[in-house]
Amino acid sequence: MGEEGGSSSTLPPGFRFFPSDEELVRHFLRRKTAMLPGQPDVIIPTLDLCRFDPWDLHRKALQGGNYWYFFAHRTKNIIRSTPNGYWSNSGIADKAVTDVGTRSALAFFSGIAPKGRKTNWVMHEYRLAKRLVISSSSSASGRKPSSKKSHGRADAGKWVVCRVFEAGCGSQEGGHDEDAMELSTMDEMFLSFEDYEEVSLPVN
């Protein structure tokens, strides 16, 4: 999917996108970097974070309730400027996502850095654990070479997956932190892809 992204219409009717932190990293971010079967690009779009203010993500990022999801290239910049503001560190310490990655919290400020006005917009940025970056690179390199996949190998470890929401507007910051004891429907769906190179639908 291109840089312009998509919307919640990419999901089948009746489905709601509400993944946990671990599901986002394990089933989406890791699969994108490793180019595993069931690539997540058809669900979560890739966006250039600097092109959009958070209120402009509607119909650009994937919407799940009051949350917006998208992939972006990882950057070391502390301040990420947008047309009418910037994202910056929220002051909340990074959180480990089990053993698969790390979650950083950023806040959106309207105006010009560093004197912008803090808003209620929050972004959770998820990074893959270093050991899984190496594993993902190895998985990708073991597949048939192509210019597209060679580019993907070069990008391994440079991707992040983001969740954006406006605090206090029906979203719950801790709503995705639960430690589920059973496999969710999403876990089962992606685990079913493990033994298949391609998944096709029957033709009526």
Protein backbone atom coordinates (compact mmCIF):
# COMPACT_ATOMS: atom_id res chain seq x y z
CA MET A 1 0.00 0.00 0.00
CA GLY A 2 1.30 3.42 -0.93
CA GLU A 3 2.16 6.45 1.08
CA GLU A 4 -1.39 7.80 0.90
CA GLY A 5 -2.63 5.03 3.16
CA GLY A 6 -6.14 3.64 3.57
CA SER A 7 -8.96 3.44 6.05
CA SER A 8 -10.90 1.00 8.19
CA SER A 9 -12.65 -0.12 4.99
CA THR A 10 -9.66 -2.45 4.39
CA LEU A 11 -11.16 -4.76 7.03
CA PRO A 12 -14.04 -7.16 6.28
CA PRO A 13 -17.49 -5.98 7.40
CA GLY A 14 -18.08 -6.66 11.08
CA PHE A 15 -14.40 -6.75 12.03
CA ARG A 16 -12.97 -4.29 14.54
CA PHE A 17 -9.24 -3.58 14.68
CA PHE A 18 -8.21 -3.58 18.35
CA PRO A 19 -4.78 -5.28 18.68
CA SER A 20 -2.75 -5.45 21.88
CA ASP A 21 0.76 -3.99 22.05
CA GLU A 22 2.28 -7.44 21.56
CA GLU A 23 0.05 -8.24 18.59
CA LEU A 24 1.06 -4.99 16.87
CA VAL A 25 4.75 -5.80 17.22
CA ARG A 26 4.73 -9.57 16.76
CA HIS A 27 2.12 -9.98 14.04
CA PHE A 28 2.40 -6.72 12.12
CA LEU A 29 5.75 -4.97 12.61
CA ARG A 30 7.82 -8.16 12.59
CA ARG A 31 6.02 -9.50 9.53
CA LYS A 32 6.57 -6.26 7.65
CA THR A 33 10.33 -6.23 8.31
CA ALA A 34 10.71 -9.97 7.55
CA MET A 35 8.31 -10.00 4.56
CA LEU A 36 6.62 -13.09 5.98
CA PRO A 37 3.44 -14.61 4.51
CA GLY A 38 0.37 -12.59 5.35
CA GLN A 39 2.20 -9.27 4.96
CA PRO A 40 0.38 -6.59 6.97
CA ASP A 41 0.60 -3.79 4.39
CA VAL A 42 -2.86 -4.64 3.10
CA ILE A 43 -4.26 -3.82 6.56
CA ILE A 44 -2.03 -1.10 8.01
CA PRO A 45 -0.87 1.60 5.55
CA THR A 46 2.54 3.24 5.41
CA LEU A 47 2.60 7.01 5.93
CA ASP A 48 5.10 9.83 6.02
CA LEU A 49 4.52 11.13 9.56
CA CYS A 50 5.73 14.63 8.70
CA ARG A 51 3.04 15.16 6.07
CA PHE A 52 0.05 14.89 8.40
CA ASP A 53 -1.23 16.50 11.57
CA PRO A 54 -2.95 13.96 13.83
CA TRP A 55 -6.43 15.26 13.02
CA ASP A 56 -5.72 14.65 9.33
CA LEU A 57 -5.14 10.90 9.75
CA HIS A 58 -8.77 10.05 9.06
CA ARG A 59 -8.95 8.01 5.85
CA LYS A 60 -5.16 8.05 5.67
CA ALA A 61 -4.28 5.69 8.53
CA LEU A 62 -6.22 2.58 9.52
CA GLN A 63 -8.91 3.54 12.01
CA GLY A 64 -9.92 1.20 14.80
CA GLY A 65 -12.43 2.93 17.07
CA ASN A 66 -10.77 6.14 18.27
CA TYR A 67 -7.28 4.97 17.30
CA TRP A 68 -5.34 5.38 14.06
CA TYR A 69 -2.60 2.94 12.99
CA PHE A 70 0.15 3.22 10.40
CA PHE A 71 3.71 2.15 9.61
CA ALA A 72 6.45 4.77 9.36
CA HIS A 73 10.19 4.89 8.91
CA ARG A 74 12.06 5.01 12.19
CA THR A 75 13.85 8.27 12.92
CA LYS A 76 16.24 9.40 15.62
CA ASN A 77 14.91 12.95 15.52
CA ILE A 78 13.58 14.01 18.91
CA ILE A 79 11.18 16.45 17.22
CA ARG A 80 9.12 15.36 14.21
CA SER A 81 7.61 18.39 12.52
CA THR A 82 4.21 18.35 10.77
CA PRO A 83 2.39 21.10 8.82
CA ASN A 84 0.93 22.72 11.97
CA GLY A 85 2.99 21.39 14.86
CA TYR A 86 5.35 18.64 15.94
CA TRP A 87 5.62 15.38 17.84
CA SER A 88 8.01 15.27 20.78
CA ASN A 89 8.81 13.14 23.80
CA SER A 90 5.92 13.03 26.27
CA GLY A 91 8.17 12.53 29.29
CA ILE A 92 6.85 9.01 29.84
CA ALA A 93 9.54 6.33 30.02
CA ASP A 94 9.72 3.70 27.28
CA LYS A 95 7.89 0.49 28.05
CA ALA A 96 8.96 -3.03 27.12
CA VAL A 97 6.41 -4.97 25.08
CA THR A 98 7.02 -8.43 26.56
CA ASP A 99 10.20 -9.66 24.83
CA VAL A 100 9.34 -8.52 21.31
CA GLY A 101 9.83 -4.76 21.33
CA THR A 102 9.57 -1.35 22.96
CA ARG A 103 6.84 1.29 23.13
CA SER A 104 7.61 5.01 23.24
CA ALA A 105 5.03 7.68 24.00
CA LEU A 106 5.05 11.01 22.16
CA ALA A 107 2.84 14.07 22.56
CA PHE A 108 1.71 16.43 19.83
CA PHE A 109 2.40 20.17 20.19
CA SER A 110 0.74 22.80 18.00
CA GLY A 111 2.94 25.66 16.83
CA ILE A 112 6.67 25.90 16.25
CA ALA A 113 9.21 23.90 18.28
CA PRO A 114 10.26 24.21 20.98
CA LYS A 115 7.59 26.66 22.14
CA GLY A 116 4.51 24.83 20.94
CA ARG A 117 1.35 24.22 22.95
CA LYS A 118 0.84 20.66 24.13
CA THR A 119 -2.37 19.04 22.90
CA ASN A 120 -4.27 15.91 23.91
CA TRP A 121 -2.96 13.96 20.92
CA VAL A 122 -0.75 11.00 21.85
CA MET A 123 1.29 8.62 19.71
CA HIS A 124 2.56 5.22 20.78
CA GLU A 125 5.53 4.24 18.63
CA TYR A 126 6.53 0.57 18.61
CA ARG A 127 9.99 -0.71 17.75
CA LEU A 128 11.12 -4.28 17.22
CA ALA A 129 13.58 -5.79 19.70
CA LYS A 130 17.13 -5.92 18.32
CA ARG A 131 17.27 -9.71 18.36
CA LEU A 132 14.10 -9.85 16.27
CA VAL A 133 15.48 -7.27 13.84
CA ILE A 134 18.36 -9.67 13.16
CA SER A 135 15.97 -12.60 12.91
CA SER A 136 13.71 -10.68 10.54
CA SER A 137 16.65 -9.75 8.33
CA SER A 138 17.69 -13.41 8.17
CA SER A 139 14.16 -14.50 7.29
CA ALA A 140 13.99 -11.99 4.47
CA SER A 141 17.42 -12.91 3.09
CA GLY A 142 16.43 -16.57 2.95
CA ARG A 143 13.71 -15.92 0.38
CA LYS A 144 14.00 -15.49 -3.36
CA PRO A 145 15.95 -12.33 -4.16
CA SER A 146 14.30 -9.43 -5.93
CA SER A 147 14.95 -5.70 -6.06
CA LYS A 148 11.92 -5.10 -3.85
CA LYS A 149 13.02 -7.64 -1.26
CA SER A 150 16.61 -6.41 -1.31
CA HIS A 151 15.26 -2.99 -0.47
CA GLY A 152 13.19 -4.58 2.29
CA ARG A 153 16.27 -6.22 3.80
CA ALA A 154 18.02 -2.87 3.86
CA ASP A 155 15.04 -1.44 5.73
CA ALA A 156 14.88 -4.17 8.38
CA GLY A 157 14.94 -2.47 11.75
CA LYS A 158 14.07 0.93 10.29
CA TRP A 159 10.32 0.47 10.54
CA VAL A 160 8.01 1.38 13.39
CA VAL A 161 4.27 0.90 13.79
CA CYS A 162 2.32 3.77 15.37
CA ARG A 163 -0.96 4.13 17.24
CA VAL A 164 -2.35 7.69 17.46
CA PHE A 165 -5.29 8.82 19.57
CA GLU A 166 -6.70 11.86 21.31
CA ALA A 167 -6.65 11.35 25.07
CA GLY A 168 -9.97 11.97 26.76
CA CYS A 169 -12.03 11.45 23.61
CA GLY A 170 -13.25 7.93 24.22
CA SER A 171 -9.77 6.40 24.07
CA GLN A 172 -8.11 4.63 26.96
CA GLU A 173 -4.35 4.84 27.12
CA GLY A 174 -4.10 1.65 29.14
CA GLY A 175 -6.70 -0.22 27.14
CA HIS A 176 -4.12 -2.16 25.13
CA ASP A 177 -1.81 -3.16 27.97
CA GLU A 178 -3.72 -6.18 29.20
CA ASP A 179 -1.70 -9.42 29.40
CA ALA A 180 -3.98 -11.87 27.66
CA MET A 181 -3.73 -15.47 28.88
CA GLU A 182 -5.30 -16.96 25.77
CA LEU A 183 -4.66 -16.53 22.07
CA SER A 184 -6.86 -13.87 20.55
CA THR A 185 -8.61 -14.30 17.23
CA MET A 186 -5.82 -12.29 15.62
CA ASP A 187 -3.15 -14.60 17.11
CA GLU A 188 -4.91 -17.64 15.72
CA MET A 189 -5.39 -16.03 12.31
CA PHE A 190 -1.72 -15.14 11.89
CA LEU A 191 -0.44 -18.40 13.34
CA SER A 192 -2.42 -20.19 10.64
CA PHE A 193 -0.20 -18.43 8.05
CA GLU A 194 3.03 -19.90 9.40
CA ASP A 195 3.07 -22.98 7.12
CA TYR A 196 1.90 -21.24 3.97
CA GLU A 197 3.80 -19.16 1.46
CA GLU A 198 0.55 -17.82 -0.01
CA VAL A 199 -3.02 -17.73 1.16
CA SER A 200 -5.70 -17.72 -1.53
CA LEU A 201 -9.45 -17.57 -1.37
CA PRO A 202 -11.60 -20.21 -3.13
CA VAL A 203 -13.19 -19.12 -6.38
CA ASN A 204 -16.94 -19.67 -6.59
